[in-house]
Amino acid sequence: MSAQVRIVATEVAGVVTAKVIVPHPNESGRRKDELGNLVPAHFISEAKGSLNGTALFEMQLGPSVSKNPFLQFRFKGGKGDTLNVVLLDNKQNSFAGETVVK
């Protein structure tokens, strides 16, 4: 995929709210095209996040996630921290994004 993962992270009173947009087709493998053929499955299967190099979260996703998914989560942190998010799809393609908390 050529598009980039976009991340915005802002801190208020020691709590960081992160918003992540992942450009990805996320096909379930159950949809049919115009000719009635099944569109092959292609979806994000894993997401991992780290804060300043320390693991923050791991999640498993599946075919029910929408196209170009939007993820939002909160955690304790501060301005200047570095948030990194890495995603893997079922075809072993990797997507990553990084931002500094504002």
PDB file of N, CA and C in Angstrom:
ATOM      1  N   MET A   1       0.852  -1.169   0.000  1.00  0.00           N
ATOM      2  CA  MET A   1       0.000   0.000   0.000  1.00  0.00           C
ATOM      3  C   MET A   1       0.897   1.231   0.000  1.00  0.00           C
ATOM      4  N   SER A   2       0.543   2.214  -0.760  1.00  0.00           N
ATOM      5  CA  SER A   2       1.377   3.405  -0.863  1.00  0.00           C
ATOM      6  C   SER A   2       0.945   4.501   0.104  1.00  0.00           C
ATOM      7  N   ALA A   3      -0.289   4.468   0.566  1.00  0.00           N
ATOM      8  CA  ALA A   3      -0.778   5.513   1.463  1.00  0.00           C
ATOM      9  C   ALA A   3      -0.178   5.343   2.852  1.00  0.00           C
ATOM     10  N   GLN A   4      -0.146   6.428   3.586  1.00  0.00           N
ATOM     11  CA  GLN A   4       0.504   6.441   4.886  1.00  0.00           C
ATOM     12  C   GLN A   4      -0.515   6.443   6.024  1.00  0.00           C
ATOM     13  N   VAL A   5      -0.164   5.749   7.112  1.00  0.00           N
ATOM     14  CA  VAL A   5      -0.980   5.739   8.325  1.00  0.00           C
ATOM     15  C   VAL A   5      -0.885   7.129   8.948  1.00  0.00           C
ATOM     16  N   ARG A   6      -2.027   7.717   9.289  1.00  0.00           N
ATOM     17  CA  ARG A   6      -2.044   9.052   9.893  1.00  0.00           C
ATOM     18  C   ARG A   6      -2.395   8.929  11.371  1.00  0.00           C
ATOM     19  N   ILE A   7      -1.613   9.619  12.204  1.00  0.00           N
ATOM     20  CA  ILE A   7      -1.828   9.577  13.653  1.00  0.00           C
ATOM     21  C   ILE A   7      -1.812  10.992  14.200  1.00  0.00           C
ATOM     22  N   VAL A   8      -2.791  11.287  15.052  1.00  0.00           N
ATOM     23  CA  VAL A   8      -2.826  12.543  15.803  1.00  0.00           C
ATOM     24  C   VAL A   8      -2.943  12.157  17.268  1.00  0.00           C
ATOM     25  N   ALA A   9      -2.054  12.701  18.102  1.00  0.00           N
ATOM     26  CA  ALA A   9      -2.083  12.384  19.533  1.00  0.00           C
ATOM     27  C   ALA A   9      -1.949  13.678  20.326  1.00  0.00           C
ATOM     28  N   THR A  10      -2.924  13.933  21.205  1.00  0.00           N
ATOM     29  CA  THR A  10      -2.897  15.143  22.027  1.00  0.00           C
ATOM     30  C   THR A  10      -3.061  14.770  23.494  1.00  0.00           C
ATOM     31  N   GLU A  11      -2.362  15.522  24.361  1.00  0.00           N
ATOM     32  CA  GLU A  11      -2.393  15.262  25.794  1.00  0.00           C
ATOM     33  C   GLU A  11      -3.152  16.360  26.520  1.00  0.00           C
ATOM     34  N   VAL A  12      -4.024  15.952  27.435  1.00  0.00           N
ATOM     35  CA  VAL A  12      -4.734  16.871  28.318  1.00  0.00           C
ATOM     36  C   VAL A  12      -4.725  16.241  29.706  1.00  0.00           C
ATOM     37  N   ALA A  13      -4.168  16.927  30.669  1.00  0.00           N
ATOM     38  CA  ALA A  13      -4.132  16.487  32.075  1.00  0.00           C
ATOM     39  C   ALA A  13      -3.527  15.094  32.245  1.00  0.00           C
ATOM     40  N   GLY A  14      -2.462  14.801  31.496  1.00  0.00           N
ATOM     41  CA  GLY A  14      -1.773  13.524  31.641  1.00  0.00           C
ATOM     42  C   GLY A  14      -2.378  12.363  30.886  1.00  0.00           C
ATOM     43  N   VAL A  15      -3.459  12.601  30.154  1.00  0.00           N
ATOM     44  CA  VAL A  15      -4.106  11.549  29.368  1.00  0.00           C
ATOM     45  C   VAL A  15      -3.985  11.916  27.889  1.00  0.00           C
ATOM     46  N   VAL A  16      -3.426  10.992  27.104  1.00  0.00           N
ATOM     47  CA  VAL A  16      -3.246  11.202  25.672  1.00  0.00           C
ATOM     48  C   VAL A  16      -4.386  10.531  24.924  1.00  0.00           C
ATOM     49  N   THR A  17      -4.994  11.252  23.995  1.00  0.00           N
ATOM     50  CA  THR A  17      -5.992  10.685  23.094  1.00  0.00           C
ATOM     51  C   THR A  17      -5.333  10.556  21.732  1.00  0.00           C
ATOM     52  N   ALA A  18      -5.276   9.328  21.227  1.00  0.00           N
ATOM     53  CA  ALA A  18      -4.667   9.071  19.922  1.00  0.00           C
ATOM     54  C   ALA A  18      -5.752   8.701  18.923  1.00  0.00           C
ATOM     55  N   LYS A  19      -5.645   9.268  17.729  1.00  0.00           N
ATOM     56  CA  LYS A  19      -6.565   8.962  16.632  1.00  0.00           C
ATOM     57  C   LYS A  19      -5.726   8.490  15.456  1.00  0.00           C
ATOM     58  N   VAL A  20      -6.077   7.312  14.925  1.00  0.00           N
ATOM     59  CA  VAL A  20      -5.301   6.686  13.863  1.00  0.00           C
ATOM     60  C   VAL A  20      -6.220   6.383  12.684  1.00  0.00           C
ATOM     61  N   ILE A  21      -5.818   6.795  11.486  1.00  0.00           N
ATOM     62  CA  ILE A  21      -6.556   6.456  10.264  1.00  0.00           C
ATOM     63  C   ILE A  21      -5.631   5.612   9.396  1.00  0.00           C
ATOM     64  N   VAL A  22      -6.132   4.443   8.985  1.00  0.00           N
ATOM     65  CA  VAL A  22      -5.335   3.505   8.202  1.00  0.00           C
ATOM     66  C   VAL A  22      -5.956   3.335   6.819  1.00  0.00           C
ATOM     67  N   PRO A  23      -5.286   3.819   5.769  1.00  0.00           N
ATOM     68  CA  PRO A  23      -5.814   3.604   4.424  1.00  0.00           C
ATOM     69  C   PRO A  23      -5.633   2.128   4.025  1.00  0.00           C
ATOM     70  N   HIS A  24      -6.729   1.405   3.925  1.00  0.00           N
ATOM     71  CA  HIS A  24      -6.669  -0.024   3.606  1.00  0.00           C
ATOM     72  C   HIS A  24      -8.035  -0.465   3.071  1.00  0.00           C
ATOM     73  N   PRO A  25      -8.071  -1.355   2.065  1.00  0.00           N
ATOM     74  CA  PRO A  25      -9.364  -1.766   1.487  1.00  0.00           C
ATOM     75  C   PRO A  25     -10.223  -2.616   2.416  1.00  0.00           C
ATOM     76  N   ASN A  26      -9.613  -3.397   3.307  1.00  0.00           N
ATOM     77  CA  ASN A  26     -10.337  -4.253   4.252  1.00  0.00           C
ATOM     78  C   ASN A  26     -11.512  -5.001   3.619  1.00  0.00           C
ATOM     79  N   GLU A  27     -11.191  -5.916   2.767  1.00  0.00           N
ATOM     80  CA  GLU A  27     -12.204  -6.789   2.143  1.00  0.00           C
ATOM     81  C   GLU A  27     -12.381  -8.036   2.994  1.00  0.00           C
ATOM     82  N   SER A  28     -13.627  -8.407   3.242  1.00  0.00           N
ATOM     83  CA  SER A  28     -13.919  -9.554   4.111  1.00  0.00           C
ATOM     84  C   SER A  28     -13.754 -10.894   3.408  1.00  0.00           C
ATOM     85  N   GLY A  29     -13.814 -10.896   2.094  1.00  0.00           N
ATOM     86  CA  GLY A  29     -13.780 -12.147   1.351  1.00  0.00           C
ATOM     87  C   GLY A  29     -15.165 -12.691   1.062  1.00  0.00           C
ATOM     88  N   ARG A  30     -16.189 -11.959   1.472  1.00  0.00           N
ATOM     89  CA  ARG A  30     -17.572 -12.400   1.269  1.00  0.00           C
ATOM     90  C   ARG A  30     -18.332 -11.521   0.284  1.00  0.00           C
ATOM     91  N   ARG A  31     -17.761 -10.359  -0.058  1.00  0.00           N
ATOM     92  CA  ARG A  31     -18.428  -9.441  -0.995  1.00  0.00           C
ATOM     93  C   ARG A  31     -18.212  -9.912  -2.430  1.00  0.00           C
ATOM     94  N   LYS A  32     -19.205  -9.693  -3.265  1.00  0.00           N
ATOM     95  CA  LYS A  32     -19.090 -10.068  -4.679  1.00  0.00           C
ATOM     96  C   LYS A  32     -18.902  -8.813  -5.523  1.00  0.00           C
ATOM     97  N   ASP A  33     -18.146  -8.968  -6.600  1.00  0.00           N
ATOM     98  CA  ASP A  33     -17.944  -7.852  -7.529  1.00  0.00           C
ATOM     99  C   ASP A  33     -19.121  -7.779  -8.505  1.00  0.00           C
ATOM    100  N   GLU A  34     -19.010  -6.909  -9.509  1.00  0.00           N
ATOM    101  CA  GLU A  34     -20.106  -6.694 -10.472  1.00  0.00           C
ATOM    102  C   GLU A  34     -20.453  -7.952 -11.270  1.00  0.00           C
ATOM    103  N   LEU A  35     -19.476  -8.851 -11.416  1.00  0.00           N
ATOM    104  CA  LEU A  35     -19.692 -10.081 -12.184  1.00  0.00           C
ATOM    105  C   LEU A  35     -20.145 -11.252 -11.316  1.00  0.00           C
ATOM    106  N   GLY A  36     -20.292 -11.019 -10.029  1.00  0.00           N
ATOM    107  CA  GLY A  36     -20.743 -12.067  -9.118  1.00  0.00           C
ATOM    108  C   GLY A  36     -19.617 -12.904  -8.523  1.00  0.00           C
ATOM    109  N   ASN A  37     -18.376 -12.524  -8.798  1.00  0.00           N
ATOM    110  CA  ASN A  37     -17.223 -13.250  -8.243  1.00  0.00           C
ATOM    111  C   ASN A  37     -16.887 -12.710  -6.860  1.00  0.00           C
ATOM    112  N   LEU A  38     -16.468 -13.599  -5.972  1.00  0.00           N
ATOM    113  CA  LEU A  38     -16.059 -13.163  -4.636  1.00  0.00           C
ATOM    114  C   LEU A  38     -14.772 -12.352  -4.720  1.00  0.00           C
ATOM    115  N   VAL A  39     -14.758 -11.232  -4.001  1.00  0.00           N
ATOM    116  CA  VAL A  39     -13.550 -10.417  -3.893  1.00  0.00           C
ATOM    117  C   VAL A  39     -12.692 -11.066  -2.808  1.00  0.00           C
ATOM    118  N   PRO A  40     -11.414 -11.365  -3.090  1.00  0.00           N
ATOM    119  CA  PRO A  40     -10.568 -12.046  -2.102  1.00  0.00           C
ATOM    120  C   PRO A  40     -10.423 -11.260  -0.797  1.00  0.00           C
ATOM    121  N   ALA A  41     -10.309 -11.982   0.291  1.00  0.00           N
ATOM    122  CA  ALA A  41     -10.132 -11.356   1.606  1.00  0.00           C
ATOM    123  C   ALA A  41      -8.810 -10.596   1.658  1.00  0.00           C
ATOM    124  N   HIS A  42      -8.858  -9.397   2.213  1.00  0.00           N
ATOM    125  CA  HIS A  42      -7.665  -8.559   2.396  1.00  0.00           C
ATOM    126  C   HIS A  42      -8.001  -7.580   3.510  1.00  0.00           C
ATOM    127  N   PHE A  43      -7.555  -7.900   4.727  1.00  0.00           N
ATOM    128  CA  PHE A  43      -7.951  -7.101   5.879  1.00  0.00           C
ATOM    129  C   PHE A  43      -6.803  -6.981   6.873  1.00  0.00           C
ATOM    130  N   ILE A  44      -6.870  -5.987   7.734  1.00  0.00           N
ATOM    131  CA  ILE A  44      -5.883  -5.795   8.785  1.00  0.00           C
ATOM    132  C   ILE A  44      -6.136  -6.840   9.862  1.00  0.00           C
ATOM    133  N   SER A  45      -5.077  -7.549  10.247  1.00  0.00           N
ATOM    134  CA  SER A  45      -5.246  -8.617  11.228  1.00  0.00           C
ATOM    135  C   SER A  45      -4.624  -8.293  12.593  1.00  0.00           C
ATOM    136  N   GLU A  46      -3.608  -7.437  12.628  1.00  0.00           N
ATOM    137  CA  GLU A  46      -2.946  -7.112  13.892  1.00  0.00           C
ATOM    138  C   GLU A  46      -2.579  -5.636  13.949  1.00  0.00           C
ATOM    139  N   ALA A  47      -2.575  -5.098  15.156  1.00  0.00           N
ATOM    140  CA  ALA A  47      -2.092  -3.734  15.391  1.00  0.00           C
ATOM    141  C   ALA A  47      -1.305  -3.733  16.691  1.00  0.00           C
ATOM    142  N   LYS A  48      -0.169  -3.035  16.671  1.00  0.00           N
ATOM    143  CA  LYS A  48       0.662  -2.908  17.869  1.00  0.00           C
ATOM    144  C   LYS A  48       1.048  -1.448  18.027  1.00  0.00           C
ATOM    145  N   GLY A  49       1.094  -1.013  19.270  1.00  0.00           N
ATOM    146  CA  GLY A  49       1.489   0.355  19.541  1.00  0.00           C
ATOM    147  C   GLY A  49       2.577   0.402  20.584  1.00  0.00           C
ATOM    148  N   SER A  50       3.450   1.392  20.464  1.00  0.00           N
ATOM    149  CA  SER A  50       4.494   1.575  21.472  1.00  0.00           C
ATOM    150  C   SER A  50       4.624   3.055  21.785  1.00  0.00           C
ATOM    151  N   LEU A  51       5.012   3.345  23.000  1.00  0.00           N
ATOM    152  CA  LEU A  51       5.218   4.705  23.463  1.00  0.00           C
ATOM    153  C   LEU A  51       6.661   4.815  23.915  1.00  0.00           C
ATOM    154  N   ASN A  52       7.413   5.658  23.224  1.00  0.00           N
ATOM    155  CA  ASN A  52       8.843   5.834  23.515  1.00  0.00           C
ATOM    156  C   ASN A  52       9.594   4.505  23.495  1.00  0.00           C
ATOM    157  N   GLY A  53       9.204   3.593  22.575  1.00  0.00           N
ATOM    158  CA  GLY A  53       9.878   2.316  22.425  1.00  0.00           C
ATOM    159  C   GLY A  53       9.392   1.217  23.341  1.00  0.00           C
ATOM    160  N   THR A  54       8.465   1.504  24.258  1.00  0.00           N
ATOM    161  CA  THR A  54       7.917   0.511  25.182  1.00  0.00           C
ATOM    162  C   THR A  54       6.533   0.089  24.701  1.00  0.00           C
ATOM    163  N   ALA A  55       6.273  -1.217  24.688  1.00  0.00           N
ATOM    164  CA  ALA A  55       4.982  -1.724  24.213  1.00  0.00           C
ATOM    165  C   ALA A  55       3.831  -1.072  24.976  1.00  0.00           C
ATOM    166  N   LEU A  56       2.839  -0.628  24.226  1.00  0.00           N
ATOM    167  CA  LEU A  56       1.680   0.046  24.800  1.00  0.00           C
ATOM    168  C   LEU A  56       0.432  -0.829  24.671  1.00  0.00           C
ATOM    169  N   PHE A  57       0.229  -1.428  23.482  1.00  0.00           N
ATOM    170  CA  PHE A  57      -0.923  -2.299  23.272  1.00  0.00           C
ATOM    171  C   PHE A  57      -0.666  -3.241  22.100  1.00  0.00           C
ATOM    172  N   GLU A  58      -1.465  -4.310  22.076  1.00  0.00           N
ATOM    173  CA  GLU A  58      -1.542  -5.231  20.936  1.00  0.00           C
ATOM    174  C   GLU A  58      -3.011  -5.557  20.758  1.00  0.00           C
ATOM    175  N   MET A  59      -3.455  -5.577  19.511  1.00  0.00           N
ATOM    176  CA  MET A  59      -4.850  -5.944  19.259  1.00  0.00           C
ATOM    177  C   MET A  59      -4.950  -6.796  18.011  1.00  0.00           C
ATOM    178  N   GLN A  60      -5.952  -7.647  18.008  1.00  0.00           N
ATOM    179  CA  GLN A  60      -6.239  -8.468  16.850  1.00  0.00           C
ATOM    180  C   GLN A  60      -7.494  -7.925  16.194  1.00  0.00           C
ATOM    181  N   LEU A  61      -7.427  -7.754  14.886  1.00  0.00           N
ATOM    182  CA  LEU A  61      -8.558  -7.262  14.108  1.00  0.00           C
ATOM    183  C   LEU A  61      -8.955  -8.352  13.123  1.00  0.00           C
ATOM    184  N   GLY A  62     -10.026  -8.146  12.402  1.00  0.00           N
ATOM    185  CA  GLY A  62     -10.475  -9.173  11.472  1.00  0.00           C
ATOM    186  C   GLY A  62     -11.228  -8.597  10.290  1.00  0.00           C
ATOM    187  N   PRO A  63     -11.884  -9.458   9.539  1.00  0.00           N
ATOM    188  CA  PRO A  63     -12.546  -9.042   8.305  1.00  0.00           C
ATOM    189  C   PRO A  63     -13.766  -8.143   8.495  1.00  0.00           C
ATOM    190  N   SER A  64     -14.251  -8.002   9.713  1.00  0.00           N
ATOM    191  CA  SER A  64     -15.439  -7.164   9.915  1.00  0.00           C
ATOM    192  C   SER A  64     -15.096  -5.680  10.088  1.00  0.00           C
ATOM    193  N   VAL A  65     -13.806  -5.335  10.110  1.00  0.00           N
ATOM    194  CA  VAL A  65     -13.395  -3.934  10.244  1.00  0.00           C
ATOM    195  C   VAL A  65     -13.618  -3.227   8.909  1.00  0.00           C
ATOM    196  N   SER A  66     -14.074  -1.978   8.973  1.00  0.00           N
ATOM    197  CA  SER A  66     -14.434  -1.237   7.763  1.00  0.00           C
ATOM    198  C   SER A  66     -13.232  -0.831   6.922  1.00  0.00           C
ATOM    199  N   LYS A  67     -13.517  -0.416   5.699  1.00  0.00           N
ATOM    200  CA  LYS A  67     -12.502   0.140   4.811  1.00  0.00           C
ATOM    201  C   LYS A  67     -11.947   1.414   5.453  1.00  0.00           C
ATOM    202  N   ASN A  68     -10.630   1.645   5.317  1.00  0.00           N
ATOM    203  CA  ASN A  68      -9.962   2.819   5.890  1.00  0.00           C
ATOM    204  C   ASN A  68     -10.347   3.019   7.352  1.00  0.00           C
ATOM    205  N   PRO A  69     -10.042   2.048   8.211  1.00  0.00           N
ATOM    206  CA  PRO A  69     -10.503   2.113   9.596  1.00  0.00           C
ATOM    207  C   PRO A  69      -9.935   3.287  10.388  1.00  0.00           C
ATOM    208  N   PHE A  70     -10.738   3.738  11.340  1.00  0.00           N
ATOM    209  CA  PHE A  70     -10.377   4.800  12.276  1.00  0.00           C
ATOM    210  C   PHE A  70     -10.312   4.161  13.650  1.00  0.00           C
ATOM    211  N   LEU A  71      -9.152   4.260  14.293  1.00  0.00           N
ATOM    212  CA  LEU A  71      -8.971   3.728  15.639  1.00  0.00           C
ATOM    213  C   LEU A  71      -8.729   4.891  16.587  1.00  0.00           C
ATOM    214  N   GLN A  72      -9.308   4.828  17.769  1.00  0.00           N
ATOM    215  CA  GLN A  72      -9.078   5.863  18.778  1.00  0.00           C
ATOM    216  C   GLN A  72      -8.875   5.170  20.115  1.00  0.00           C
ATOM    217  N   PHE A  73      -7.868   5.622  20.862  1.00  0.00           N
ATOM    218  CA  PHE A  73      -7.605   5.047  22.179  1.00  0.00           C
ATOM    219  C   PHE A  73      -6.948   6.099  23.059  1.00  0.00           C
ATOM    220  N   ARG A  74      -6.985   5.853  24.385  1.00  0.00           N
ATOM    221  CA  ARG A  74      -6.420   6.782  25.365  1.00  0.00           C
ATOM    222  C   ARG A  74      -5.423   6.039  26.247  1.00  0.00           C
ATOM    223  N   PHE A  75      -4.431   6.777  26.735  1.00  0.00           N
ATOM    224  CA  PHE A  75      -3.438   6.200  27.626  1.00  0.00           C
ATOM    225  C   PHE A  75      -2.752   7.320  28.390  1.00  0.00           C
ATOM    226  N   LYS A  76      -2.067   6.963  29.476  1.00  0.00           N
ATOM    227  CA  LYS A  76      -1.322   7.958  30.246  1.00  0.00           C
ATOM    228  C   LYS A  76      -0.040   8.290  29.505  1.00  0.00           C
ATOM    229  N   GLY A  77       0.241   9.584  29.366  1.00  0.00           N
ATOM    230  CA  GLY A  77       1.442  10.021  28.666  1.00  0.00           C
ATOM    231  C   GLY A  77       1.583  11.517  28.770  1.00  0.00           C
ATOM    232  N   GLY A  78       2.547  12.058  28.057  1.00  0.00           N
ATOM    233  CA  GLY A  78       2.780  13.489  28.122  1.00  0.00           C
ATOM    234  C   GLY A  78       3.217  14.059  26.792  1.00  0.00           C
ATOM    235  N   LYS A  79       3.220  15.379  26.722  1.00  0.00           N
ATOM    236  CA  LYS A  79       3.667  16.069  25.523  1.00  0.00           C
ATOM    237  C   LYS A  79       5.120  15.693  25.246  1.00  0.00           C
ATOM    238  N   GLY A  80       5.458  15.488  23.973  1.00  0.00           N
ATOM    239  CA  GLY A  80       6.810  15.129  23.587  1.00  0.00           C
ATOM    240  C   GLY A  80       7.063  13.634  23.495  1.00  0.00           C
ATOM    241  N   ASP A  81       6.146  12.802  24.029  1.00  0.00           N
ATOM    242  CA  ASP A  81       6.291  11.348  23.896  1.00  0.00           C
ATOM    243  C   ASP A  81       6.138  10.958  22.431  1.00  0.00           C
ATOM    244  N   THR A  82       6.781   9.867  22.034  1.00  0.00           N
ATOM    245  CA  THR A  82       6.687   9.376  20.656  1.00  0.00           C
ATOM    246  C   THR A  82       5.798   8.140  20.621  1.00  0.00           C
ATOM    247  N   LEU A  83       4.712   8.219  19.840  1.00  0.00           N
ATOM    248  CA  LEU A  83       3.776   7.108  19.666  1.00  0.00           C
ATOM    249  C   LEU A  83       4.020   6.479  18.309  1.00  0.00           C
ATOM    250  N   ASN A  84       4.176   5.162  18.296  1.00  0.00           N
ATOM    251  CA  ASN A  84       4.391   4.413  17.065  1.00  0.00           C
ATOM    252  C   ASN A  84       3.324   3.340  16.964  1.00  0.00           C
ATOM    253  N   VAL A  85       2.691   3.228  15.791  1.00  0.00           N
ATOM    254  CA  VAL A  85       1.664   2.210  15.557  1.00  0.00           C
ATOM    255  C   VAL A  85       2.065   1.415  14.314  1.00  0.00           C
ATOM    256  N   VAL A  86       2.063   0.083  14.445  1.00  0.00           N
ATOM    257  CA  VAL A  86       2.402  -0.814  13.336  1.00  0.00           C
ATOM    258  C   VAL A  86       1.229  -1.765  13.136  1.00  0.00           C
ATOM    259  N   LEU A  87       0.805  -1.935  11.885  1.00  0.00           N
ATOM    260  CA  LEU A  87      -0.314  -2.812  11.562  1.00  0.00           C
ATOM    261  C   LEU A  87       0.145  -3.843  10.541  1.00  0.00           C
ATOM    262  N   LEU A  88      -0.469  -5.022  10.583  1.00  0.00           N
ATOM    263  CA  LEU A  88      -0.142  -6.105   9.670  1.00  0.00           C
ATOM    264  C   LEU A  88      -1.444  -6.629   9.086  1.00  0.00           C
ATOM    265  N   ASP A  89      -1.473  -6.862   7.762  1.00  0.00           N
ATOM    266  CA  ASP A  89      -2.703  -7.416   7.188  1.00  0.00           C
ATOM    267  C   ASP A  89      -2.535  -8.906   6.910  1.00  0.00           C
ATOM    268  N   ASN A  90      -3.608  -9.540   6.466  1.00  0.00           N
ATOM    269  CA  ASN A  90      -3.594 -10.988   6.269  1.00  0.00           C
ATOM    270  C   ASN A  90      -2.717 -11.422   5.099  1.00  0.00           C
ATOM    271  N   LYS A  91      -2.197 -10.481   4.323  1.00  0.00           N
ATOM    272  CA  LYS A  91      -1.267 -10.796   3.236  1.00  0.00           C
ATOM    273  C   LYS A  91       0.165 -10.453   3.636  1.00  0.00           C
ATOM    274  N   GLN A  92       0.372 -10.254   4.945  1.00  0.00           N
ATOM    275  CA  GLN A  92       1.675  -9.968   5.539  1.00  0.00           C
ATOM    276  C   GLN A  92       2.275  -8.629   5.095  1.00  0.00           C
ATOM    277  N   ASN A  93       1.434  -7.694   4.653  1.00  0.00           N
ATOM    278  CA  ASN A  93       1.878  -6.326   4.377  1.00  0.00           C
ATOM    279  C   ASN A  93       1.894  -5.573   5.700  1.00  0.00           C
ATOM    280  N   SER A  94       2.911  -4.748   5.894  1.00  0.00           N
ATOM    281  CA  SER A  94       3.053  -4.003   7.132  1.00  0.00           C
ATOM    282  C   SER A  94       2.841  -2.507   6.866  1.00  0.00           C
ATOM    283  N   PHE A  95       2.181  -1.842   7.792  1.00  0.00           N
ATOM    284  CA  PHE A  95       1.905  -0.404   7.709  1.00  0.00           C
ATOM    285  C   PHE A  95       2.302   0.211   9.022  1.00  0.00           C
ATOM    286  N   ALA A  96       2.905   1.383   8.983  1.00  0.00           N
ATOM    287  CA  ALA A  96       3.355   2.001  10.228  1.00  0.00           C
ATOM    288  C   ALA A  96       3.147   3.505  10.192  1.00  0.00           C
ATOM    289  N   GLY A  97       3.008   4.075  11.365  1.00  0.00           N
ATOM    290  CA  GLY A  97       2.909   5.513  11.516  1.00  0.00           C
ATOM    291  C   GLY A  97       3.513   5.911  12.850  1.00  0.00           C
ATOM    292  N   GLU A  98       4.020   7.122  12.908  1.00  0.00           N
ATOM    293  CA  GLU A  98       4.639   7.612  14.141  1.00  0.00           C
ATOM    294  C   GLU A  98       4.316   9.084  14.287  1.00  0.00           C
ATOM    295  N   THR A  99       4.146   9.510  15.533  1.00  0.00           N
ATOM    296  CA  THR A  99       3.889  10.924  15.814  1.00  0.00           C
ATOM    297  C   THR A  99       4.424  11.285  17.191  1.00  0.00           C
ATOM    298  N   VAL A 100       4.598  12.558  17.390  1.00  0.00           N
ATOM    299  CA  VAL A 100       4.986  13.074  18.692  1.00  0.00           C
ATOM    300  C   VAL A 100       3.735  13.651  19.340  1.00  0.00           C
ATOM    301  N   VAL A 101       3.484  13.312  20.602  1.00  0.00           N
ATOM    302  CA  VAL A 101       2.313  13.785  21.320  1.00  0.00           C
ATOM    303  C   VAL A 101       2.396  15.305  21.499  1.00  0.00           C
ATOM    304  N   LYS A 102       1.286  15.985  21.199  1.00  0.00           N
ATOM    305  CA  LYS A 102       1.220  17.446  21.335  1.00  0.00           C
ATOM    306  C   LYS A 102       0.339  17.821  22.479  1.00  0.00           C
TER     307      LYS A 102
END
